[in-house]
Amino acid sequence: MPGTGAVTRSTLRQQIADALRDEVLAGRLLPGREFTVKEIAEQYGVSATPVREALVDLSAQGVLEADQHRGFRVPRYTAADHRNMIEARSLVTDGMFQALADGHDGFRNPEDPRMAAAFAVVRRRGDEARRAAAAGDLSVLIGYDLRFWRELSAMFGNPYLADFLHRLRVQSWVCTVQHLRRLTDLRGHLWSRHTELVDALAQRDAATARSIVAAYNAHSLALIERRTERPVERPIERPAGE
């Protein structure tokens, strides 16, 4: 963590939040892990103020839980939590797709060069996510998946919607990681239809986009629920068609 005078408190706050979020998403900070502002400040060699602000930010995003007496901890998420997160995400994406079907300004002219360029960028991001999913590389997949949805939702021109969906997806991945990190081979088990979704949206095909996301949600729920039902690790069945 840089410690020069050129680094502002705001920058430190974001750097610490990003670093801790990455640790949680990588599964290196396990569910139930507790820590204090002092511990993190000493770890990064910074003052307590930006650390406290970063931890509060992560708590607001659902990455951490705040405990008035003990500090902060990594939350333990259940399959029921995951189902609720998916339901909330679906309400957002269904609204996005309905706006598409109704001719939302952001998608009114998909032939516009700027819109075509934006779709191309998101599609490349989706292709990287697809490759990572096929390889079973969860860490790489999470990074590209978050960027994919952030950039895709930003195309609707509503920063509040994009920010809300991003927070939901980060929280969903925190939950997912807790149940998948112990699997030794994730190849063939991770959703990888990002580019199909982009193509459907580029063609203004809201029905197909909804179908793709519905299949994704069902696949994600089944994957987590199978894990929570199994106290002893063993290979999980590959979804039909994969």
Protein backbone atom coordinates (compact mmCIF):
# COMPACT_ATOMS: atom_id res chain seq x y z
CA MET A 1 0.00 0.00 0.00
CA PRO A 2 1.66 3.30 -1.05
CA GLY A 3 2.45 5.59 1.85
CA THR A 4 3.60 8.80 0.13
CA GLY A 5 2.13 12.20 0.83
CA ALA A 6 0.58 12.18 -2.65
CA VAL A 7 -1.84 9.46 -1.59
CA THR A 8 -4.98 11.05 -0.20
CA ARG A 9 -7.17 9.61 2.54
CA SER A 10 -9.90 9.02 -0.04
CA THR A 11 -7.45 7.06 -2.20
CA LEU A 12 -6.34 5.00 0.80
CA ARG A 13 -9.94 4.32 1.70
CA GLN A 14 -10.64 2.95 -1.78
CA GLN A 15 -7.39 0.98 -1.97
CA ILE A 16 -8.04 -0.70 1.37
CA ALA A 17 -11.65 -1.47 0.46
CA ASP A 18 -10.58 -2.94 -2.88
CA ALA A 19 -7.85 -5.04 -1.28
CA LEU A 20 -10.13 -6.47 1.40
CA ARG A 21 -12.93 -7.12 -1.10
CA ASP A 22 -10.46 -9.05 -3.26
CA GLU A 23 -9.36 -11.08 -0.23
CA VAL A 24 -12.96 -12.04 0.55
CA LEU A 25 -13.77 -12.87 -3.08
CA ALA A 26 -10.61 -14.96 -3.32
CA GLY A 27 -11.72 -16.97 -0.29
CA ARG A 28 -8.68 -15.98 1.75
CA LEU A 29 -10.84 -14.26 4.38
CA LEU A 30 -13.20 -17.01 5.43
CA PRO A 31 -16.79 -16.70 6.70
CA GLY A 32 -16.80 -15.71 10.37
CA ARG A 33 -13.30 -14.22 10.25
CA GLU A 34 -13.20 -11.26 12.62
CA PHE A 35 -10.84 -8.29 12.63
CA THR A 36 -10.59 -4.79 14.03
CA VAL A 37 -9.77 -1.41 12.53
CA LYS A 38 -6.48 -1.46 14.47
CA GLU A 39 -5.50 -4.85 13.01
CA ILE A 40 -6.10 -3.76 9.43
CA ALA A 41 -4.43 -0.38 9.96
CA GLU A 42 -1.30 -2.13 11.26
CA GLN A 43 -1.38 -4.64 8.41
CA TYR A 44 -1.37 -1.90 5.78
CA GLY A 45 0.71 0.60 7.73
CA VAL A 46 -1.86 3.39 7.61
CA SER A 47 -3.93 5.41 10.05
CA ALA A 48 -7.21 4.15 11.46
CA THR A 49 -9.49 6.70 9.76
CA PRO A 50 -9.32 5.48 6.13
CA VAL A 51 -9.44 1.88 7.35
CA ARG A 52 -12.60 2.52 9.36
CA GLU A 53 -14.18 4.27 6.36
CA ALA A 54 -13.23 1.39 4.05
CA LEU A 55 -14.68 -1.22 6.43
CA VAL A 56 -17.91 0.77 6.76
CA ASP A 57 -18.13 0.95 2.95
CA LEU A 58 -17.69 -2.83 2.65
CA SER A 59 -20.31 -3.40 5.33
CA ALA A 60 -22.78 -1.29 3.36
CA GLN A 61 -22.09 -3.50 0.33
CA GLY A 62 -22.66 -6.74 2.24
CA VAL A 63 -19.02 -7.82 1.88
CA LEU A 64 -18.50 -7.48 5.65
CA GLU A 65 -20.67 -7.28 8.76
CA ALA A 66 -20.16 -4.67 11.45
CA ASP A 67 -20.27 -5.70 15.09
CA GLN A 68 -20.47 -2.83 17.54
CA HIS A 69 -18.39 -4.65 20.15
CA ARG A 70 -16.01 -6.84 18.11
CA GLY A 71 -15.25 -4.86 14.97
CA PHE A 72 -15.99 -6.48 11.62
CA ARG A 73 -16.41 -9.98 10.29
CA VAL A 74 -16.89 -11.81 7.01
CA PRO A 75 -20.59 -12.78 6.89
CA ARG A 76 -21.81 -16.37 6.60
CA TYR A 77 -24.30 -16.61 3.74
CA THR A 78 -26.76 -19.46 3.29
CA ALA A 79 -28.50 -20.86 0.22
CA ALA A 80 -31.59 -18.89 1.30
CA ASP A 81 -29.53 -15.69 1.27
CA HIS A 82 -28.35 -16.55 -2.23
CA ARG A 83 -31.91 -17.12 -3.39
CA ASN A 84 -32.96 -13.71 -2.04
CA MET A 85 -30.02 -12.01 -3.75
CA ILE A 86 -30.95 -13.61 -7.06
CA GLU A 87 -34.56 -12.50 -6.65
CA ALA A 88 -33.40 -8.91 -6.06
CA ARG A 89 -31.05 -9.08 -9.06
CA SER A 90 -33.84 -10.41 -11.24
CA LEU A 91 -36.10 -7.49 -10.39
CA VAL A 92 -33.39 -5.15 -11.63
CA THR A 93 -32.50 -7.02 -14.82
CA ASP A 94 -36.15 -7.62 -15.71
CA GLY A 95 -36.66 -3.86 -15.51
CA MET A 96 -33.65 -3.31 -17.74
CA PHE A 97 -34.91 -5.77 -20.34
CA GLN A 98 -38.39 -4.27 -20.24
CA ALA A 99 -36.85 -0.87 -20.89
CA LEU A 100 -35.08 -2.41 -23.85
CA ALA A 101 -38.35 -3.78 -25.21
CA ASP A 102 -39.99 -0.38 -24.71
CA GLY A 103 -37.28 1.43 -26.68
CA HIS A 104 -35.21 2.92 -23.86
CA ASP A 105 -33.08 5.85 -25.04
CA GLY A 106 -29.86 3.99 -24.41
CA PHE A 107 -30.88 1.26 -26.85
CA ARG A 108 -33.05 3.20 -29.25
CA ASN A 109 -30.52 2.94 -32.07
CA PRO A 110 -28.20 -0.05 -31.67
CA GLU A 111 -26.69 0.78 -35.08
CA ASP A 112 -25.26 4.02 -33.69
CA PRO A 113 -21.43 3.72 -33.82
CA ARG A 114 -21.09 4.63 -30.15
CA MET A 115 -23.61 1.98 -29.14
CA ALA A 116 -21.98 -0.59 -31.40
CA ALA A 117 -18.61 0.20 -29.81
CA ALA A 118 -20.07 -0.16 -26.31
CA PHE A 119 -21.58 -3.54 -27.21
CA ALA A 120 -18.22 -4.65 -28.64
CA VAL A 121 -16.45 -3.76 -25.38
CA VAL A 122 -19.01 -5.57 -23.23
CA ARG A 123 -18.93 -8.58 -25.56
CA ARG A 124 -15.14 -8.83 -25.23
CA ARG A 125 -15.52 -8.70 -21.47
CA GLY A 126 -18.15 -11.44 -21.71
CA ASP A 127 -15.86 -13.55 -23.86
CA GLU A 128 -13.12 -13.34 -21.24
CA ALA A 129 -15.64 -14.34 -18.58
CA ARG A 130 -16.71 -17.29 -20.74
CA ARG A 131 -13.11 -18.44 -21.11
CA ALA A 132 -12.50 -18.21 -17.38
CA ALA A 133 -15.70 -20.13 -16.63
CA ALA A 134 -14.76 -22.88 -19.09
CA ALA A 135 -11.35 -23.14 -17.42
CA GLY A 136 -12.90 -23.26 -13.96
CA ASP A 137 -10.90 -20.20 -12.90
CA LEU A 138 -13.23 -18.64 -10.36
CA SER A 139 -11.03 -15.67 -9.43
CA VAL A 140 -10.63 -14.54 -13.04
CA LEU A 141 -14.30 -15.19 -13.76
CA ILE A 142 -15.44 -13.00 -10.85
CA GLY A 143 -13.33 -10.08 -12.03
CA TYR A 144 -14.60 -10.22 -15.60
CA ASP A 145 -18.17 -10.98 -14.58
CA LEU A 146 -18.35 -7.93 -12.31
CA ARG A 147 -16.94 -5.71 -15.03
CA PHE A 148 -19.25 -7.26 -17.62
CA TRP A 149 -22.42 -6.48 -15.65
CA ARG A 150 -21.16 -3.07 -14.54
CA GLU A 151 -20.49 -1.99 -18.12
CA LEU A 152 -23.64 -3.61 -19.49
CA SER A 153 -25.89 -1.90 -16.94
CA ALA A 154 -24.09 1.42 -17.50
CA MET A 155 -25.33 1.34 -21.11
CA PHE A 156 -28.81 2.13 -19.82
CA GLY A 157 -27.56 5.53 -18.72
CA ASN A 158 -28.81 5.27 -15.12
CA PRO A 159 -25.88 5.36 -12.67
CA TYR A 160 -28.12 4.47 -9.71
CA LEU A 161 -29.27 1.29 -11.42
CA ALA A 162 -25.71 0.36 -12.40
CA ASP A 163 -24.42 0.94 -8.87
CA PHE A 164 -27.25 -1.01 -7.24
CA LEU A 165 -26.81 -3.99 -9.55
CA HIS A 166 -23.05 -3.96 -9.02
CA ARG A 167 -23.49 -4.11 -5.25
CA LEU A 168 -25.90 -7.02 -5.59
CA ARG A 169 -23.51 -8.90 -7.82
CA VAL A 170 -20.56 -8.35 -5.46
CA GLN A 171 -22.65 -9.63 -2.57
CA SER A 172 -23.81 -12.61 -4.63
CA TRP A 173 -20.22 -13.52 -5.42
CA VAL A 174 -19.21 -13.25 -1.75
CA CYS A 175 -21.94 -15.79 -1.02
CA THR A 176 -21.06 -18.01 -3.97
CA VAL A 177 -17.35 -18.12 -3.16
CA GLN A 178 -18.07 -19.42 0.33
CA HIS A 179 -19.73 -22.50 -1.14
CA LEU A 180 -17.51 -23.17 -4.17
CA ARG A 181 -13.95 -22.49 -3.03
CA ARG A 182 -13.49 -25.98 -1.60
CA LEU A 183 -14.25 -27.68 -4.90
CA THR A 184 -11.09 -28.87 -6.59
CA ASP A 185 -12.34 -28.63 -10.18
CA LEU A 186 -14.94 -26.12 -11.33
CA ARG A 187 -14.55 -26.72 -15.05
CA GLY A 188 -17.96 -27.15 -16.67
CA HIS A 189 -19.83 -26.01 -13.56
CA LEU A 190 -19.71 -22.22 -13.98
CA TRP A 191 -22.17 -20.22 -16.09
CA SER A 192 -20.61 -19.01 -19.34
CA ARG A 193 -23.33 -17.51 -21.57
CA HIS A 194 -22.26 -13.88 -21.26
CA THR A 195 -21.72 -13.37 -24.99
CA GLU A 196 -25.10 -14.90 -25.82
CA LEU A 197 -26.72 -12.36 -23.52
CA VAL A 198 -24.89 -9.48 -25.20
CA ASP A 199 -25.94 -10.71 -28.64
CA ALA A 200 -29.58 -10.93 -27.56
CA LEU A 201 -29.51 -7.39 -26.18
CA ALA A 202 -27.77 -6.05 -29.27
CA GLN A 203 -30.62 -7.50 -31.32
CA ARG A 204 -33.17 -5.98 -28.91
CA ASP A 205 -34.41 -9.49 -28.13
CA ALA A 206 -35.64 -8.99 -24.57
CA ALA A 207 -37.39 -12.37 -24.42
CA THR A 208 -34.20 -14.27 -25.18
CA ALA A 209 -32.23 -12.10 -22.74
CA ARG A 210 -34.73 -12.92 -19.98
CA SER A 211 -34.54 -16.61 -20.84
CA ILE A 212 -30.74 -16.61 -20.66
CA VAL A 213 -30.70 -14.84 -17.29
CA ALA A 214 -33.46 -17.12 -15.93
CA ALA A 215 -31.37 -20.16 -16.89
CA TYR A 216 -28.35 -18.56 -15.23
CA ASN A 217 -30.27 -17.97 -12.01
CA ALA A 218 -31.60 -21.53 -11.94
CA HIS A 219 -28.13 -22.92 -12.57
CA SER A 220 -26.58 -20.75 -9.85
CA LEU A 221 -29.21 -21.72 -7.29
CA ALA A 222 -28.88 -25.42 -8.05
CA LEU A 223 -25.10 -25.24 -7.76
CA ILE A 224 -25.19 -23.58 -4.34
CA GLU A 225 -28.02 -25.71 -3.00
CA ARG A 226 -26.18 -28.90 -3.93
CA ARG A 227 -23.16 -27.65 -2.03
CA THR A 228 -25.11 -26.78 1.12
CA GLU A 229 -26.74 -30.20 1.11
CA ARG A 230 -23.37 -31.96 1.11
CA PRO A 231 -21.29 -31.92 4.28
CA VAL A 232 -18.64 -34.11 2.63
CA GLU A 233 -16.98 -32.83 -0.52
CA ARG A 234 -17.37 -34.90 -3.64
CA PRO A 235 -17.72 -34.11 -7.34
CA ILE A 236 -21.02 -32.50 -8.33
CA GLU A 237 -22.98 -33.50 -11.38
CA ARG A 238 -22.43 -31.40 -14.45
CA PRO A 239 -25.52 -29.48 -15.57
CA ALA A 240 -27.39 -30.92 -18.51
CA GLY A 241 -26.12 -29.66 -21.82
CA GLU A 242 -22.64 -28.73 -20.56
